[in-house]
Amino acid sequence: MVRKACTLEGRDGEKEVIDVQDQLLRRLKSEETFVVVVVQTGQQLKGIVREFDRETVLLESDGQQHYIQRTAVVTYTPAQKKF
């Protein structure tokens, strides 16, 4: 899996590398945003991101927890409301 990152330069000229996927997952987790996760098989998993690390995402849906390999994820789509 190719990790997407961008480099930002601050006012002091110091550069910072930001992992775009980590930034999105942090926001989804902190705001408890409902999300649709599509994996490589085409299956759609819906729920709230509870935890994530470098390799996995823990998605909670209807009281069940699903560990998803990040390399299997095709898209994360934030939803406007609960499913």
Protein backbone atom coordinates (compact mmCIF):
# COMPACT_ATOMS: atom_id res chain seq x y z
CA MET A 1 0.00 0.00 0.00
CA VAL A 2 1.26 3.44 -0.86
CA ARG A 3 1.00 5.82 2.07
CA LYS A 4 -0.01 9.32 1.04
CA ALA A 5 1.69 12.14 2.85
CA CYS A 6 2.17 15.81 2.29
CA THR A 7 4.88 18.15 3.48
CA LEU A 8 3.93 21.48 4.98
CA GLU A 9 6.31 24.31 5.70
CA GLY A 10 5.61 26.39 8.77
CA ARG A 11 6.25 30.10 9.25
CA ASP A 12 9.60 29.34 10.79
CA GLY A 13 10.63 27.35 7.71
CA GLU A 14 10.43 24.03 9.55
CA LYS A 15 8.92 21.24 7.46
CA GLU A 16 6.39 18.76 8.78
CA VAL A 17 5.25 15.56 7.07
CA ILE A 18 1.57 14.73 7.56
CA ASP A 19 0.04 11.35 6.72
CA VAL A 20 -3.27 12.23 5.08
CA GLN A 21 -4.98 8.95 6.01
CA ASP A 22 -3.94 9.27 9.66
CA GLN A 23 -5.22 12.84 9.72
CA LEU A 24 -8.61 11.72 8.36
CA LEU A 25 -8.85 8.80 10.79
CA ARG A 26 -7.98 11.07 13.74
CA ARG A 27 -10.79 13.44 12.77
CA LEU A 28 -13.31 10.64 12.21
CA LYS A 29 -12.42 9.14 15.60
CA SER A 30 -12.44 12.38 17.60
CA GLU A 31 -15.74 13.56 16.10
CA GLU A 32 -17.28 10.06 16.28
CA THR A 33 -18.37 10.47 12.66
CA PHE A 34 -20.30 7.63 11.07
CA VAL A 35 -18.34 6.28 8.13
CA VAL A 36 -18.71 3.81 5.27
CA VAL A 37 -15.52 1.81 4.72
CA VAL A 38 -15.26 0.00 1.38
CA VAL A 39 -12.72 -2.82 1.22
CA GLN A 40 -11.07 -4.44 -1.81
CA THR A 41 -13.74 -7.15 -2.06
CA GLY A 42 -16.37 -4.42 -2.51
CA GLN A 43 -17.92 -5.07 0.90
CA GLN A 44 -19.15 -1.97 2.71
CA LEU A 45 -18.69 -1.74 6.46
CA LYS A 46 -20.53 1.02 8.32
CA GLY A 47 -19.84 2.37 11.77
CA ILE A 48 -17.64 4.59 13.92
CA VAL A 49 -13.84 4.52 14.00
CA ARG A 50 -12.92 3.67 17.60
CA GLU A 51 -9.17 3.07 17.24
CA PHE A 52 -6.53 2.77 14.57
CA ASP A 53 -2.85 2.12 14.27
CA ARG A 54 -0.36 1.80 11.45
CA GLU A 55 -1.88 -1.47 10.19
CA THR A 56 -5.51 -1.73 11.36
CA VAL A 57 -8.71 0.21 11.94
CA LEU A 58 -11.23 -0.76 14.62
CA LEU A 59 -14.74 0.01 13.39
CA GLU A 60 -17.72 -0.35 15.75
CA SER A 61 -21.18 -1.03 14.36
CA ASP A 62 -24.32 -2.13 16.21
CA GLY A 63 -22.30 -3.16 19.26
CA GLN A 64 -19.90 -5.28 17.20
CA GLN A 65 -16.26 -4.49 16.57
CA HIS A 66 -14.54 -5.09 13.24
CA TYR A 67 -10.77 -5.00 12.80
CA ILE A 68 -9.93 -4.00 9.23
CA GLN A 69 -6.48 -4.22 7.67
CA ARG A 70 -5.65 -0.75 6.34
CA THR A 71 -4.12 -2.30 3.22
CA ALA A 72 -7.56 -3.74 2.38
CA VAL A 73 -9.36 -0.37 2.52
CA VAL A 74 -10.34 1.26 -0.76
CA THR A 75 -12.26 4.27 0.62
CA TYR A 76 -13.46 5.95 3.79
CA THR A 77 -16.63 7.98 3.25
CA PRO A 78 -17.95 10.10 6.13
CA ALA A 79 -21.74 9.88 6.43
CA GLN A 80 -24.14 12.67 7.36
CA LYS A 81 -26.17 10.55 9.77
CA LYS A 82 -26.29 7.24 11.62
CA PHE A 83 -27.27 4.21 9.55
